[in-house]
Amino acid sequence: MYALADVNSFYASCEKGFRPDLRNKPVVVLSNNDGCVIARSPDYVELKVKAVLITRR
């Protein structure tokens, strides 16, 4: 049996769940090696920041 779940903003939502200090703030999760945005909270999406933003060169 296989299951596929597409969860919107999963990593950002998990981080907000574990860290109450982030609950009312926009959250972005970066990849480990290249600094690419891999998850954005819904309130961060409203800021119109692209999901493929590279934060360093």
PDB file of N, CA and C in Angstrom:
ATOM      1  N   MET A   1       0.837  -1.160   0.000  1.00  0.00           N
ATOM      2  CA  MET A   1       0.000   0.000   0.000  1.00  0.00           C
ATOM      3  C   MET A   1       0.896   1.241   0.000  1.00  0.00           C
ATOM      4  N   TYR A   2       0.515   2.213  -0.793  1.00  0.00           N
ATOM      5  CA  TYR A   2       1.242   3.473  -0.877  1.00  0.00           C
ATOM      6  C   TYR A   2       0.307   4.615  -0.512  1.00  0.00           C
ATOM      7  N   ALA A   3       0.873   5.653   0.039  1.00  0.00           N
ATOM      8  CA  ALA A   3       0.097   6.851   0.360  1.00  0.00           C
ATOM      9  C   ALA A   3       0.914   8.070  -0.036  1.00  0.00           C
ATOM     10  N   LEU A   4       0.250   9.043  -0.573  1.00  0.00           N
ATOM     11  CA  LEU A   4       0.888  10.296  -0.957  1.00  0.00           C
ATOM     12  C   LEU A   4       0.104  11.430  -0.317  1.00  0.00           C
ATOM     13  N   ALA A   5       0.787  12.245   0.427  1.00  0.00           N
ATOM     14  CA  ALA A   5       0.127  13.378   1.081  1.00  0.00           C
ATOM     15  C   ALA A   5       0.833  14.657   0.663  1.00  0.00           C
ATOM     16  N   ASP A   6       0.072  15.589   0.166  1.00  0.00           N
ATOM     17  CA  ASP A   6       0.599  16.902  -0.198  1.00  0.00           C
ATOM     18  C   ASP A   6       0.109  17.888   0.856  1.00  0.00           C
ATOM     19  N   VAL A   7       0.967  18.184   1.796  1.00  0.00           N
ATOM     20  CA  VAL A   7       0.581  19.034   2.911  1.00  0.00           C
ATOM     21  C   VAL A   7       1.125  20.437   2.656  1.00  0.00           C
ATOM     22  N   ASN A   8       0.240  21.397   2.645  1.00  0.00           N
ATOM     23  CA  ASN A   8       0.610  22.775   2.368  1.00  0.00           C
ATOM     24  C   ASN A   8       1.452  23.351   3.509  1.00  0.00           C
ATOM     25  N   SER A   9       2.639  23.833   3.188  1.00  0.00           N
ATOM     26  CA  SER A   9       3.529  24.485   4.164  1.00  0.00           C
ATOM     27  C   SER A   9       3.853  23.589   5.353  1.00  0.00           C
ATOM     28  N   PHE A  10       4.085  22.312   5.113  1.00  0.00           N
ATOM     29  CA  PHE A  10       4.225  21.329   6.182  1.00  0.00           C
ATOM     30  C   PHE A  10       5.350  21.660   7.160  1.00  0.00           C
ATOM     31  N   TYR A  11       6.562  21.873   6.658  1.00  0.00           N
ATOM     32  CA  TYR A  11       7.693  22.112   7.555  1.00  0.00           C
ATOM     33  C   TYR A  11       7.513  23.409   8.348  1.00  0.00           C
ATOM     34  N   ALA A  12       7.002  24.438   7.698  1.00  0.00           N
ATOM     35  CA  ALA A  12       6.772  25.702   8.400  1.00  0.00           C
ATOM     36  C   ALA A  12       5.688  25.540   9.461  1.00  0.00           C
ATOM     37  N   SER A  13       4.640  24.790   9.154  1.00  0.00           N
ATOM     38  CA  SER A  13       3.570  24.551  10.127  1.00  0.00           C
ATOM     39  C   SER A  13       4.075  23.741  11.315  1.00  0.00           C
ATOM     40  N   CYS A  14       4.919  22.751  11.064  1.00  0.00           N
ATOM     41  CA  CYS A  14       5.493  21.959  12.161  1.00  0.00           C
ATOM     42  C   CYS A  14       6.360  22.825  13.061  1.00  0.00           C
ATOM     43  N   GLU A  15       7.159  23.682  12.469  1.00  0.00           N
ATOM     44  CA  GLU A  15       8.033  24.552  13.266  1.00  0.00           C
ATOM     45  C   GLU A  15       7.207  25.481  14.146  1.00  0.00           C
ATOM     46  N   LYS A  16       6.119  26.019  13.593  1.00  0.00           N
ATOM     47  CA  LYS A  16       5.245  26.876  14.394  1.00  0.00           C
ATOM     48  C   LYS A  16       4.580  26.089  15.520  1.00  0.00           C
ATOM     49  N   GLY A  17       4.284  24.825  15.281  1.00  0.00           N
ATOM     50  CA  GLY A  17       3.669  23.999  16.311  1.00  0.00           C
ATOM     51  C   GLY A  17       4.599  23.705  17.476  1.00  0.00           C
ATOM     52  N   PHE A  18       5.882  23.539  17.181  1.00  0.00           N
ATOM     53  CA  PHE A  18       6.856  23.225  18.227  1.00  0.00           C
ATOM     54  C   PHE A  18       7.433  24.468  18.903  1.00  0.00           C
ATOM     55  N   ARG A  19       7.317  25.614  18.233  1.00  0.00           N
ATOM     56  CA  ARG A  19       7.874  26.852  18.801  1.00  0.00           C
ATOM     57  C   ARG A  19       6.782  27.911  18.922  1.00  0.00           C
ATOM     58  N   PRO A  20       6.166  28.022  20.072  1.00  0.00           N
ATOM     59  CA  PRO A  20       5.069  28.974  20.266  1.00  0.00           C
ATOM     60  C   PRO A  20       5.463  30.431  20.002  1.00  0.00           C
ATOM     61  N   ASP A  21       6.737  30.763  20.129  1.00  0.00           N
ATOM     62  CA  ASP A  21       7.174  32.139  19.879  1.00  0.00           C
ATOM     63  C   ASP A  21       7.047  32.528  18.410  1.00  0.00           C
ATOM     64  N   LEU A  22       6.860  31.563  17.517  1.00  0.00           N
ATOM     65  CA  LEU A  22       6.728  31.835  16.086  1.00  0.00           C
ATOM     66  C   LEU A  22       5.280  31.857  15.608  1.00  0.00           C
ATOM     67  N   ARG A  23       4.338  31.634  16.475  1.00  0.00           N
ATOM     68  CA  ARG A  23       2.934  31.455  16.075  1.00  0.00           C
ATOM     69  C   ARG A  23       2.370  32.615  15.258  1.00  0.00           C
ATOM     70  N   ASN A  24       2.662  33.844  15.594  1.00  0.00           N
ATOM     71  CA  ASN A  24       2.092  35.001  14.891  1.00  0.00           C
ATOM     72  C   ASN A  24       3.095  35.686  13.976  1.00  0.00           C
ATOM     73  N   LYS A  25       4.102  34.940  13.530  1.00  0.00           N
ATOM     74  CA  LYS A  25       5.142  35.502  12.676  1.00  0.00           C
ATOM     75  C   LYS A  25       5.234  34.710  11.378  1.00  0.00           C
ATOM     76  N   PRO A  26       5.612  35.377  10.281  1.00  0.00           N
ATOM     77  CA  PRO A  26       5.863  34.637   9.038  1.00  0.00           C
ATOM     78  C   PRO A  26       7.087  33.744   9.210  1.00  0.00           C
ATOM     79  N   VAL A  27       7.013  32.509   8.718  1.00  0.00           N
ATOM     80  CA  VAL A  27       8.105  31.546   8.873  1.00  0.00           C
ATOM     81  C   VAL A  27       8.502  31.010   7.506  1.00  0.00           C
ATOM     82  N   VAL A  28       9.796  30.896   7.300  1.00  0.00           N
ATOM     83  CA  VAL A  28      10.328  30.277   6.089  1.00  0.00           C
ATOM     84  C   VAL A  28      11.342  29.231   6.531  1.00  0.00           C
ATOM     85  N   VAL A  29      11.374  28.101   5.829  1.00  0.00           N
ATOM     86  CA  VAL A  29      12.318  27.024   6.126  1.00  0.00           C
ATOM     87  C   VAL A  29      13.271  26.915   4.949  1.00  0.00           C
ATOM     88  N   LEU A  30      14.570  26.924   5.244  1.00  0.00           N
ATOM     89  CA  LEU A  30      15.598  26.848   4.209  1.00  0.00           C
ATOM     90  C   LEU A  30      16.172  25.444   4.131  1.00  0.00           C
ATOM     91  N   SER A  31      16.650  25.080   2.935  1.00  0.00           N
ATOM     92  CA  SER A  31      17.322  23.791   2.787  1.00  0.00           C
ATOM     93  C   SER A  31      18.671  23.845   3.489  1.00  0.00           C
ATOM     94  N   ASN A  32      19.230  22.699   3.761  1.00  0.00           N
ATOM     95  CA  ASN A  32      20.438  22.604   4.571  1.00  0.00           C
ATOM     96  C   ASN A  32      21.692  23.064   3.833  1.00  0.00           C
ATOM     97  N   ASN A  33      21.843  22.707   2.578  1.00  0.00           N
ATOM     98  CA  ASN A  33      23.117  22.937   1.898  1.00  0.00           C
ATOM     99  C   ASN A  33      23.178  24.181   1.029  1.00  0.00           C
ATOM    100  N   ASP A  34      22.088  24.544   0.379  1.00  0.00           N
ATOM    101  CA  ASP A  34      22.188  25.628  -0.597  1.00  0.00           C
ATOM    102  C   ASP A  34      21.370  26.865  -0.254  1.00  0.00           C
ATOM    103  N   GLY A  35      20.669  26.875   0.853  1.00  0.00           N
ATOM    104  CA  GLY A  35      19.943  28.067   1.278  1.00  0.00           C
ATOM    105  C   GLY A  35      18.689  28.367   0.490  1.00  0.00           C
ATOM    106  N   CYS A  36      18.113  27.390  -0.205  1.00  0.00           N
ATOM    107  CA  CYS A  36      16.873  27.595  -0.949  1.00  0.00           C
ATOM    108  C   CYS A  36      15.676  27.467  -0.017  1.00  0.00           C
ATOM    109  N   VAL A  37      14.656  28.256  -0.288  1.00  0.00           N
ATOM    110  CA  VAL A  37      13.425  28.193   0.491  1.00  0.00           C
ATOM    111  C   VAL A  37      12.681  26.917   0.125  1.00  0.00           C
ATOM    112  N   ILE A  38      12.395  26.063   1.116  1.00  0.00           N
ATOM    113  CA  ILE A  38      11.680  24.817   0.829  1.00  0.00           C
ATOM    114  C   ILE A  38      10.270  24.806   1.401  1.00  0.00           C
ATOM    115  N   ALA A  39       9.956  25.704   2.339  1.00  0.00           N
ATOM    116  CA  ALA A  39       8.601  25.789   2.888  1.00  0.00           C
ATOM    117  C   ALA A  39       8.365  27.196   3.413  1.00  0.00           C
ATOM    118  N   ARG A  40       7.140  27.677   3.192  1.00  0.00           N
ATOM    119  CA  ARG A  40       6.755  29.005   3.670  1.00  0.00           C
ATOM    120  C   ARG A  40       5.418  28.895   4.381  1.00  0.00           C
ATOM    121  N   SER A  41       5.271  29.616   5.462  1.00  0.00           N
ATOM    122  CA  SER A  41       3.974  29.650   6.134  1.00  0.00           C
ATOM    123  C   SER A  41       3.016  30.494   5.292  1.00  0.00           C
ATOM    124  N   PRO A  42       1.693  30.281   5.428  1.00  0.00           N
ATOM    125  CA  PRO A  42       0.731  31.047   4.627  1.00  0.00           C
ATOM    126  C   PRO A  42       0.876  32.558   4.790  1.00  0.00           C
ATOM    127  N   ASP A  43       1.199  33.042   5.982  1.00  0.00           N
ATOM    128  CA  ASP A  43       1.373  34.479   6.156  1.00  0.00           C
ATOM    129  C   ASP A  43       2.647  34.980   5.482  1.00  0.00           C
ATOM    130  N   TYR A  44       3.626  34.120   5.282  1.00  0.00           N
ATOM    131  CA  TYR A  44       4.834  34.495   4.544  1.00  0.00           C
ATOM    132  C   TYR A  44       4.551  34.548   3.050  1.00  0.00           C
ATOM    133  N   VAL A  45       3.674  33.676   2.575  1.00  0.00           N
ATOM    134  CA  VAL A  45       3.293  33.666   1.159  1.00  0.00           C
ATOM    135  C   VAL A  45       2.647  34.995   0.789  1.00  0.00           C
ATOM    136  N   GLU A  46       1.893  35.582   1.706  1.00  0.00           N
ATOM    137  CA  GLU A  46       1.254  36.873   1.450  1.00  0.00           C
ATOM    138  C   GLU A  46       2.262  37.982   1.194  1.00  0.00           C
ATOM    139  N   LEU A  47       3.510  37.802   1.627  1.00  0.00           N
ATOM    140  CA  LEU A  47       4.562  38.795   1.385  1.00  0.00           C
ATOM    141  C   LEU A  47       5.120  38.712  -0.028  1.00  0.00           C
ATOM    142  N   LYS A  48       4.636  37.737  -0.822  1.00  0.00           N
ATOM    143  CA  LYS A  48       5.003  37.549  -2.234  1.00  0.00           C
ATOM    144  C   LYS A  48       6.478  37.205  -2.431  1.00  0.00           C
ATOM    145  N   VAL A  49       7.066  36.439  -1.525  1.00  0.00           N
ATOM    146  CA  VAL A  49       8.444  35.978  -1.659  1.00  0.00           C
ATOM    147  C   VAL A  49       8.426  34.649  -2.387  1.00  0.00           C
ATOM    148  N   LYS A  50       9.255  34.503  -3.405  1.00  0.00           N
ATOM    149  CA  LYS A  50       9.270  33.281  -4.202  1.00  0.00           C
ATOM    150  C   LYS A  50       9.840  32.105  -3.410  1.00  0.00           C
ATOM    151  N   ALA A  51       9.329  30.918  -3.688  1.00  0.00           N
ATOM    152  CA  ALA A  51       9.771  29.714  -2.978  1.00  0.00           C
ATOM    153  C   ALA A  51      11.171  29.294  -3.393  1.00  0.00           C
ATOM    154  N   VAL A  52      11.676  29.769  -4.507  1.00  0.00           N
ATOM    155  CA  VAL A  52      13.006  29.367  -4.968  1.00  0.00           C
ATOM    156  C   VAL A  52      14.054  30.433  -4.676  1.00  0.00           C
ATOM    157  N   LEU A  53      13.757  31.334  -3.792  1.00  0.00           N
ATOM    158  CA  LEU A  53      14.697  32.382  -3.417  1.00  0.00           C
ATOM    159  C   LEU A  53      15.975  31.772  -2.861  1.00  0.00           C
ATOM    160  N   ILE A  54      17.116  32.155  -3.419  1.00  0.00           N
ATOM    161  CA  ILE A  54      18.405  31.681  -2.918  1.00  0.00           C
ATOM    162  C   ILE A  54      18.949  32.757  -1.987  1.00  0.00           C
ATOM    163  N   THR A  55      19.251  32.369  -0.762  1.00  0.00           N
ATOM    164  CA  THR A  55      19.633  33.347   0.249  1.00  0.00           C
ATOM    165  C   THR A  55      21.128  33.629   0.304  1.00  0.00           C
ATOM    166  N   ARG A  56      21.931  32.828  -0.364  1.00  0.00           N
ATOM    167  CA  ARG A  56      23.379  33.082  -0.389  1.00  0.00           C
ATOM    168  C   ARG A  56      23.938  32.590  -1.714  1.00  0.00           C
ATOM    169  N   ARG A  57      25.163  32.997  -2.018  1.00  0.00           N
ATOM    170  CA  ARG A  57      25.797  32.579  -3.279  1.00  0.00           C
ATOM    171  C   ARG A  57      26.855  31.563  -3.043  1.00  0.00           C
TER     172      ARG A  57
END
